Amino acid sequence: MTETQEDKRSNTAEDGEESDKTDDITLSTVDRAIINGFQGGFPVIDQPFEFAAAALADRGIDIAPEGVLNRIQTLNNNGVLSRFGALVNAEEIGGTATLVAMHAPQSRFDAVAEAVNDHHEVAHNYEREHPHLNMWFVVSVADATQVERVLNEIEQETGQETYNMPKQQEFRVEAKFLVDGPIEDGDIDCSNIGPTPEPIDRQTLTPAERDLIVEIQEGLPVTKTPYRDVADAIDADPSWVIETIARFNREGKIRRVGVVPNHYSLGYTENGMTVWDVPDTQLEAVGPAIASLPFVTHCYHRPRHEDVWSYNFFAMTHGRSVEESERRIQMIRERMSKHWEVTDDDWDSLFSTQILKKTGIRLDERATANTA
């Protein structure tokens, strides 16, 4: 790690370390209960805040439905939440996304980053600590055949080789960020309230479903009747909107409905991508074992690249300090060691030192291409 990288990480950690405040907003006990309790399983029904308040009352948090609504509005407005609503599973909507790594020479780093970021297909781009592969970005496209075109263009523009690392198997995507306070297990689930429609065995979207996905991808209105307001925005029947969101949740097109924290605002400033050279014969055992650790937010099998990249297993962690992240990585290693003999050469941790781009997955393009 270079001195500059150490400075970036330490400064980032100090800015958010274990703090109870975000931009001068103190999180109350009720705020903490809402953040912990409703990162998933929010009711999908016409007036959901009544049931949300009842669920909190069952956990000893006495607050009226209007109070829950007001607190979520405040948390959303002050940046504690990145949004309130449905977390859409882009892979199930259409198109594809892939993780790509490349080397950006320090003498041309900014120019390389600008060239990469100029591609609208690049959704996220991070600088990460690695002696060679120091730039990591996500390419999101409506058609999988477009990935090769985008990477060829980036290579021609930057003169740098790209290393495509598409997901081979997903073991976990559960980016929940809990805070100290009530409902520390974060397990309120009101998803059984309201309709329980049967899943439909259909890969494509209807035009109406496409409009719904595009409308809710950035969040639901933080109002007394959010689903009815979505229906008004797309000129649809409110009961259809409610039933379709509930069905999408069961089908996996929506991972969950609830509050989505801005994890940086909660002090989770340490973004660590741990990578492991797991024996191929152990992947089916190691994957679920690591995915079961509550602090692992993403967990995948990805391809190796001969002579450049020997790791085939990725586990993402987030921490509120360098020390917390290091403890969590050690816990991953200890669990790994139950399945195979892990040496220091078998793994690495690539912490992000700079966010170069973060614009989202552009679901409108992917959903439109998958509409029949």
Protein backbone atom coordinates (compact mmCIF):
# COMPACT_ATOMS: atom_id res chain seq x y z
CA MET A 1 0.00 0.00 0.00
CA THR A 2 1.38 3.41 -0.92
CA GLU A 3 1.50 6.31 1.50
CA THR A 4 -1.19 8.08 -0.55
CA GLN A 5 -3.49 5.06 -0.25
CA GLU A 6 -2.89 4.87 3.50
CA ASP A 7 -3.80 8.54 3.80
CA LYS A 8 -6.97 8.09 1.75
CA ARG A 9 -8.11 5.15 3.83
CA SER A 10 -7.29 6.68 7.20
CA ASN A 11 -8.94 9.97 6.31
CA THR A 12 -12.06 8.15 5.09
CA ALA A 13 -12.24 6.07 8.26
CA GLU A 14 -11.84 9.08 10.53
CA ASP A 15 -14.64 10.93 8.72
CA GLY A 16 -17.20 8.24 9.52
CA GLU A 17 -15.76 6.10 12.30
CA GLU A 18 -18.38 4.81 14.72
CA SER A 19 -20.21 8.15 14.61
CA ASP A 20 -23.78 8.63 15.86
CA LYS A 21 -24.16 11.69 13.63
CA THR A 22 -24.48 12.15 9.89
CA ASP A 23 -24.20 15.71 8.59
CA ASP A 24 -25.14 17.01 12.05
CA ILE A 25 -28.22 14.74 12.21
CA THR A 26 -28.38 12.69 15.39
CA LEU A 27 -30.02 9.29 14.95
CA SER A 28 -32.72 8.76 17.55
CA THR A 29 -33.73 5.41 18.99
CA VAL A 30 -36.70 5.36 16.62
CA ASP A 31 -34.47 6.22 13.64
CA ARG A 32 -32.20 3.33 14.52
CA ALA A 33 -35.14 0.96 14.87
CA ILE A 34 -36.45 1.97 11.45
CA ILE A 35 -33.04 1.65 9.79
CA ASN A 36 -32.40 -1.76 11.31
CA GLY A 37 -35.91 -3.11 11.04
CA PHE A 38 -36.95 -2.09 7.54
CA GLN A 39 -34.04 -2.71 5.20
CA GLY A 40 -36.35 -5.35 3.78
CA GLY A 41 -39.83 -6.77 4.29
CA PHE A 42 -41.68 -3.45 4.18
CA PRO A 43 -45.45 -3.95 3.68
CA VAL A 44 -46.68 -3.89 0.09
CA ILE A 45 -50.20 -2.64 0.71
CA ASP A 46 -52.14 0.58 0.06
CA GLN A 47 -51.31 2.24 3.41
CA PRO A 48 -48.16 0.44 4.54
CA PHE A 49 -47.14 2.75 7.39
CA GLU A 50 -49.98 1.51 9.61
CA PHE A 51 -48.58 -2.01 9.47
CA ALA A 52 -44.99 -0.75 9.79
CA ALA A 53 -45.92 1.09 13.00
CA ALA A 54 -47.66 -2.03 14.34
CA ALA A 55 -44.56 -4.12 13.62
CA LEU A 56 -42.40 -1.62 15.50
CA ALA A 57 -44.87 -1.65 18.41
CA ASP A 58 -44.42 -5.43 18.62
CA ARG A 59 -40.71 -4.71 19.17
CA GLY A 60 -41.36 -2.14 21.89
CA ILE A 61 -41.07 0.96 19.69
CA ASP A 62 -44.18 3.09 20.23
CA ILE A 63 -44.76 5.37 17.25
CA ALA A 64 -47.79 6.33 15.18
CA PRO A 65 -47.96 5.54 11.44
CA GLU A 66 -47.53 9.25 10.67
CA GLY A 67 -44.41 9.24 12.83
CA VAL A 68 -42.84 6.38 10.85
CA LEU A 69 -43.61 8.24 7.62
CA ASN A 70 -42.17 11.49 8.97
CA ARG A 71 -38.98 9.84 10.21
CA ILE A 72 -38.36 8.10 6.87
CA GLN A 73 -39.00 11.39 5.07
CA THR A 74 -36.43 13.13 7.29
CA LEU A 75 -33.84 10.36 6.96
CA ASN A 76 -34.32 10.40 3.21
CA ASN A 77 -34.10 14.18 2.91
CA ASN A 78 -30.96 14.36 5.05
CA GLY A 79 -29.06 11.71 3.09
CA VAL A 80 -29.08 9.03 5.79
CA LEU A 81 -31.04 6.96 3.29
CA SER A 82 -30.10 6.73 -0.36
CA ARG A 83 -33.75 5.98 -1.07
CA PHE A 84 -36.90 4.29 0.19
CA GLY A 85 -38.48 1.59 -1.93
CA ALA A 86 -37.73 -1.50 -3.96
CA LEU A 87 -34.25 -2.87 -4.54
CA VAL A 88 -34.55 -4.15 -8.10
CA ASN A 89 -32.58 -7.23 -9.15
CA ALA A 90 -31.24 -5.94 -12.46
CA GLU A 91 -30.12 -9.37 -13.62
CA GLU A 92 -33.73 -10.59 -13.54
CA ILE A 93 -35.00 -7.55 -15.45
CA GLY A 94 -32.88 -8.11 -18.55
CA GLY A 95 -29.43 -7.52 -20.00
CA THR A 96 -26.30 -8.17 -18.00
CA ALA A 97 -23.60 -6.55 -15.89
CA THR A 98 -20.00 -7.62 -15.45
CA LEU A 99 -17.05 -6.63 -13.26
CA VAL A 100 -13.91 -5.50 -15.10
CA ALA A 101 -10.41 -4.79 -13.82
CA MET A 102 -7.55 -2.95 -15.47
CA HIS A 103 -4.23 -1.28 -14.77
CA ALA A 104 -4.17 2.51 -14.90
CA PRO A 105 -0.60 3.90 -14.73
CA GLN A 106 -0.32 6.60 -12.08
CA SER A 107 1.12 9.02 -14.63
CA ARG A 108 -2.08 8.71 -16.69
CA PHE A 109 -4.54 7.63 -14.02
CA ASP A 110 -6.95 10.56 -14.36
CA ALA A 111 -6.97 10.37 -18.14
CA VAL A 112 -7.65 6.61 -18.08
CA ALA A 113 -10.44 7.10 -15.53
CA GLU A 114 -12.02 9.81 -17.66
CA ALA A 115 -11.93 7.58 -20.75
CA VAL A 116 -13.53 4.70 -18.87
CA ASN A 117 -16.16 6.90 -17.23
CA ASP A 118 -17.13 8.51 -20.53
CA HIS A 119 -18.79 5.23 -21.51
CA HIS A 120 -22.39 5.43 -20.36
CA GLU A 121 -22.36 1.62 -20.01
CA VAL A 122 -19.92 2.01 -17.09
CA ALA A 123 -22.06 2.27 -13.97
CA HIS A 124 -19.56 2.09 -11.11
CA ASN A 125 -15.81 2.70 -11.12
CA TYR A 126 -13.46 2.46 -8.13
CA GLU A 127 -9.77 2.87 -7.52
CA ARG A 128 -8.65 -0.07 -5.40
CA GLU A 129 -5.45 -0.99 -3.60
CA HIS A 130 -3.54 -3.41 -5.81
CA PRO A 131 -0.01 -3.18 -7.26
CA HIS A 132 -1.30 -3.79 -10.80
CA LEU A 133 -5.09 -3.99 -11.16
CA ASN A 134 -5.96 -0.69 -9.51
CA MET A 135 -9.13 0.25 -11.43
CA TRP A 136 -12.35 -1.77 -11.10
CA PHE A 137 -15.55 -0.93 -12.89
CA VAL A 138 -18.96 -2.41 -13.72
CA VAL A 139 -20.26 -2.52 -17.27
CA SER A 140 -24.06 -2.72 -17.54
CA VAL A 141 -25.62 -3.39 -20.95
CA ALA A 142 -28.99 -4.34 -22.41
CA ASP A 143 -27.42 -7.08 -24.55
CA ALA A 144 -24.57 -9.32 -23.33
CA THR A 145 -22.91 -9.12 -26.74
CA GLN A 146 -22.26 -5.41 -26.12
CA VAL A 147 -19.74 -6.13 -23.35
CA GLU A 148 -16.99 -7.09 -25.78
CA ARG A 149 -17.58 -3.94 -27.84
CA VAL A 150 -17.35 -1.68 -24.77
CA LEU A 151 -14.17 -3.33 -23.51
CA ASN A 152 -12.55 -3.19 -26.96
CA GLU A 153 -13.29 0.52 -27.17
CA ILE A 154 -11.85 1.13 -23.69
CA GLU A 155 -8.68 -0.79 -24.57
CA GLN A 156 -8.24 1.19 -27.78
CA GLU A 157 -8.82 4.52 -26.03
CA THR A 158 -6.58 3.85 -23.02
CA GLY A 159 -3.96 1.46 -24.39
CA GLN A 160 -4.57 -0.74 -21.35
CA GLU A 161 -5.78 -4.35 -21.31
CA THR A 162 -9.08 -5.10 -19.58
CA TYR A 163 -9.83 -8.24 -17.57
CA ASN A 164 -13.46 -9.27 -17.66
CA MET A 165 -14.67 -11.09 -14.53
CA PRO A 166 -18.33 -11.97 -15.04
CA LYS A 167 -20.22 -13.63 -12.23
CA GLN A 168 -20.07 -17.43 -12.49
CA GLN A 169 -22.20 -18.06 -9.41
CA GLU A 170 -23.88 -15.82 -6.88
CA PHE A 171 -23.79 -16.93 -3.25
CA ARG A 172 -25.06 -13.74 -1.60
CA VAL A 173 -26.24 -10.23 -2.36
CA GLU A 174 -27.51 -8.78 0.90
CA ALA A 175 -26.15 -5.29 1.37
CA LYS A 176 -27.72 -4.44 4.71
CA PHE A 177 -26.06 -1.96 7.05
CA LEU A 178 -27.15 -2.10 10.67
CA VAL A 179 -26.54 0.47 13.39
CA ASP A 180 -26.30 0.18 17.17
CA GLY A 181 -29.78 0.27 18.63
CA PRO A 182 -33.10 -1.56 18.71
CA ILE A 183 -33.89 -4.49 16.41
CA GLU A 184 -30.21 -5.23 16.09
CA ASP A 185 -30.98 -8.43 14.18
CA GLY A 186 -32.77 -6.39 11.51
CA ASP A 187 -35.39 -9.04 10.91
CA ILE A 188 -38.80 -7.34 10.72
CA ASP A 189 -40.63 -8.93 7.80
CA CYS A 190 -44.06 -7.67 6.75
CA SER A 191 -43.82 -9.01 3.20
CA ASN A 192 -46.63 -11.46 3.94
CA ILE A 193 -49.05 -8.56 4.51
CA GLY A 194 -51.13 -7.91 1.42
CA PRO A 195 -51.39 -9.96 -1.76
CA THR A 196 -49.36 -13.13 -2.32
CA PRO A 197 -49.62 -13.65 -6.09
CA GLU A 198 -48.18 -16.73 -7.71
CA PRO A 199 -44.95 -16.22 -9.66
CA ILE A 200 -45.22 -16.18 -13.46
CA ASP A 201 -42.80 -18.26 -15.53
CA ARG A 202 -41.97 -15.54 -18.02
CA GLN A 203 -38.57 -13.99 -18.69
CA THR A 204 -39.71 -10.91 -20.62
CA LEU A 205 -41.58 -7.86 -19.32
CA THR A 206 -44.85 -6.45 -20.54
CA PRO A 207 -44.88 -2.75 -21.47
CA ALA A 208 -46.78 -1.98 -18.25
CA GLU A 209 -44.25 -3.92 -16.15
CA ARG A 210 -41.44 -2.08 -17.89
CA ASP A 211 -43.02 1.27 -16.99
CA LEU A 212 -43.38 0.16 -13.37
CA ILE A 213 -39.73 -0.92 -13.07
CA VAL A 214 -38.48 2.35 -14.55
CA GLU A 215 -40.74 4.36 -12.23
CA ILE A 216 -39.61 2.64 -9.01
CA GLN A 217 -35.93 2.04 -9.76
CA GLU A 218 -34.89 5.23 -7.93
CA GLY A 219 -37.29 4.64 -5.04
CA LEU A 220 -40.91 4.99 -4.00
CA PRO A 221 -42.53 8.30 -3.05
CA VAL A 222 -42.21 8.79 0.69
CA THR A 223 -45.93 9.41 1.14
CA LYS A 224 -48.85 7.88 3.02
CA THR A 225 -49.83 5.89 -0.08
CA PRO A 226 -46.59 5.29 -2.05
CA TYR A 227 -47.90 2.49 -4.28
CA ARG A 228 -51.02 4.46 -5.20
CA ASP A 229 -48.84 7.43 -6.10
CA VAL A 230 -46.69 5.21 -8.33
CA ALA A 231 -49.88 4.01 -10.02
CA ASP A 232 -50.92 7.61 -10.65
CA ALA A 233 -47.51 8.39 -12.16
CA ILE A 234 -47.75 5.58 -14.73
CA ASP A 235 -51.52 5.71 -15.21
CA ALA A 236 -52.06 2.23 -13.79
CA ASP A 237 -54.52 0.66 -11.38
CA PRO A 238 -53.20 0.86 -7.76
CA SER A 239 -54.18 -2.74 -7.02
CA TRP A 240 -52.21 -3.89 -10.09
CA VAL A 241 -49.14 -1.97 -8.92
CA ILE A 242 -49.35 -3.52 -5.45
CA GLU A 243 -49.89 -7.03 -6.78
CA THR A 244 -47.12 -6.72 -9.38
CA ILE A 245 -44.55 -5.44 -6.88
CA ALA A 246 -45.50 -8.26 -4.52
CA ARG A 247 -45.15 -10.77 -7.36
CA PHE A 248 -41.82 -9.32 -8.47
CA ASN A 249 -40.63 -9.73 -4.89
CA ARG A 250 -41.54 -13.43 -4.95
CA GLU A 251 -40.06 -13.93 -8.41
CA GLY A 252 -36.74 -12.33 -7.48
CA LYS A 253 -37.08 -9.36 -9.82
CA ILE A 254 -37.17 -7.29 -6.65
CA ARG A 255 -34.77 -8.39 -3.92
CA ARG A 256 -36.62 -6.56 -1.14
CA VAL A 257 -38.70 -3.48 -0.34
CA GLY A 258 -37.70 -1.09 2.43
CA VAL A 259 -35.27 1.63 3.41
CA VAL A 260 -31.91 1.66 1.62
CA PRO A 261 -29.27 3.34 3.80
CA ASN A 262 -26.48 5.49 2.49
CA HIS A 263 -23.85 3.30 4.13
CA TYR A 264 -21.25 6.06 4.09
CA SER A 265 -23.59 8.25 6.15
CA LEU A 266 -23.81 5.45 8.73
CA GLY A 267 -20.03 5.34 9.03
CA TYR A 268 -19.42 2.29 6.82
CA THR A 269 -16.53 3.94 5.01
CA GLU A 270 -14.25 0.89 4.69
CA ASN A 271 -15.20 -0.89 1.47
CA GLY A 272 -13.11 -4.07 1.28
CA MET A 273 -13.17 -6.51 -1.61
CA THR A 274 -11.51 -9.69 -0.40
CA VAL A 275 -10.42 -12.14 -3.08
CA TRP A 276 -9.44 -15.78 -2.62
CA ASP A 277 -7.82 -18.55 -4.65
CA VAL A 278 -10.24 -21.27 -3.56
CA PRO A 279 -9.69 -24.81 -4.87
CA ASP A 280 -12.37 -25.41 -7.48
CA THR A 281 -13.49 -28.57 -5.67
CA GLN A 282 -14.23 -26.51 -2.53
CA LEU A 283 -16.29 -23.73 -4.09
CA GLU A 284 -19.69 -25.33 -3.45
CA ALA A 285 -18.86 -25.69 0.24
CA VAL A 286 -16.99 -22.43 0.72
CA GLY A 287 -19.58 -20.25 -1.05
CA PRO A 288 -22.52 -20.84 1.33
CA ALA A 289 -20.20 -20.86 4.35
CA ILE A 290 -18.85 -17.37 3.63
CA ALA A 291 -22.22 -16.09 2.44
CA SER A 292 -23.70 -16.95 5.85
CA LEU A 293 -21.45 -14.41 7.59
CA PRO A 294 -23.80 -11.45 8.28
CA PHE A 295 -21.24 -8.76 7.39
CA VAL A 296 -20.52 -10.19 3.93
CA THR A 297 -22.68 -8.13 1.56
CA HIS A 298 -21.73 -9.68 -1.79
CA CYS A 299 -20.24 -13.10 -2.46
CA TYR A 300 -19.44 -14.51 -5.94
CA HIS A 301 -17.45 -17.04 -7.93
CA ARG A 302 -15.62 -15.25 -10.76
CA PRO A 303 -13.03 -16.43 -13.32
CA ARG A 304 -9.27 -16.33 -12.90
CA HIS A 305 -6.97 -14.74 -15.50
CA GLU A 306 -3.80 -16.73 -16.08
CA ASP A 307 -0.55 -15.05 -14.98
CA VAL A 308 -2.42 -11.88 -13.95
CA TRP A 309 -5.21 -12.80 -11.55
CA SER A 310 -5.23 -16.06 -9.57
CA TYR A 311 -8.35 -15.44 -7.46
CA ASN A 312 -11.73 -17.00 -8.22
CA PHE A 313 -13.80 -16.10 -5.14
CA PHE A 314 -14.91 -12.59 -4.15
CA ALA A 315 -16.39 -11.59 -0.78
CA MET A 316 -17.25 -7.93 -0.17
CA THR A 317 -17.22 -6.51 3.35
CA HIS A 318 -17.93 -3.06 4.76
CA GLY A 319 -16.68 -1.70 8.06
CA ARG A 320 -16.87 1.46 10.14
CA SER A 321 -13.15 1.52 10.79
CA VAL A 322 -9.96 -0.07 9.47
CA GLU A 323 -9.83 -2.22 12.59
CA GLU A 324 -13.40 -3.48 12.17
CA SER A 325 -12.75 -4.37 8.54
CA GLU A 326 -9.57 -6.22 9.41
CA ARG A 327 -11.41 -8.21 12.10
CA ARG A 328 -14.08 -9.18 9.62
CA ILE A 329 -11.56 -10.25 7.00
CA GLN A 330 -9.84 -12.41 9.62
CA MET A 331 -13.19 -14.05 10.37
CA ILE A 332 -13.58 -14.87 6.68
CA ARG A 333 -10.14 -16.45 6.66
CA GLU A 334 -10.91 -18.49 9.75
CA ARG A 335 -14.05 -19.86 8.15
CA MET A 336 -12.22 -20.50 4.88
CA SER A 337 -9.63 -22.50 6.82
CA LYS A 338 -12.28 -24.98 7.88
CA HIS A 339 -12.54 -26.10 4.25
CA TRP A 340 -8.99 -25.81 2.90
CA GLU A 341 -5.51 -24.80 4.03
CA VAL A 342 -5.30 -21.05 3.42
CA THR A 343 -1.87 -19.44 3.10
CA ASP A 344 -0.97 -15.77 2.86
CA ASP A 345 -0.45 -16.21 -0.90
CA ASP A 346 -4.01 -17.47 -1.39
CA TRP A 347 -5.87 -14.23 -0.76
CA ASP A 348 -5.77 -10.45 -0.87
CA SER A 349 -7.95 -7.51 0.17
CA LEU A 350 -8.51 -4.61 -2.19
CA PHE A 351 -9.92 -1.62 -0.33
CA SER A 352 -11.40 1.20 -2.36
CA THR A 353 -9.42 4.42 -2.13
CA GLN A 354 -11.52 6.55 -4.48
CA ILE A 355 -14.97 6.46 -6.05
CA LEU A 356 -14.41 7.38 -9.69
CA LYS A 357 -18.00 6.96 -10.90
CA LYS A 358 -21.28 5.77 -9.46
CA THR A 359 -24.37 6.28 -11.59
CA GLY A 360 -26.44 3.11 -11.25
CA ILE A 361 -27.26 0.25 -13.58
CA ARG A 362 -29.50 2.08 -16.13
CA LEU A 363 -32.43 -0.26 -15.77
CA ASP A 364 -34.50 1.66 -18.30
CA GLU A 365 -32.32 0.47 -21.19
CA ARG A 366 -32.17 -3.11 -19.95
CA ALA A 367 -35.88 -3.30 -19.17
CA THR A 368 -36.84 -1.79 -22.53
CA ALA A 369 -34.69 -4.30 -24.43
CA ASN A 370 -36.40 -7.12 -22.53
CA THR A 371 -39.96 -5.92 -23.14
CA ALA A 372 -42.20 -7.95 -25.41
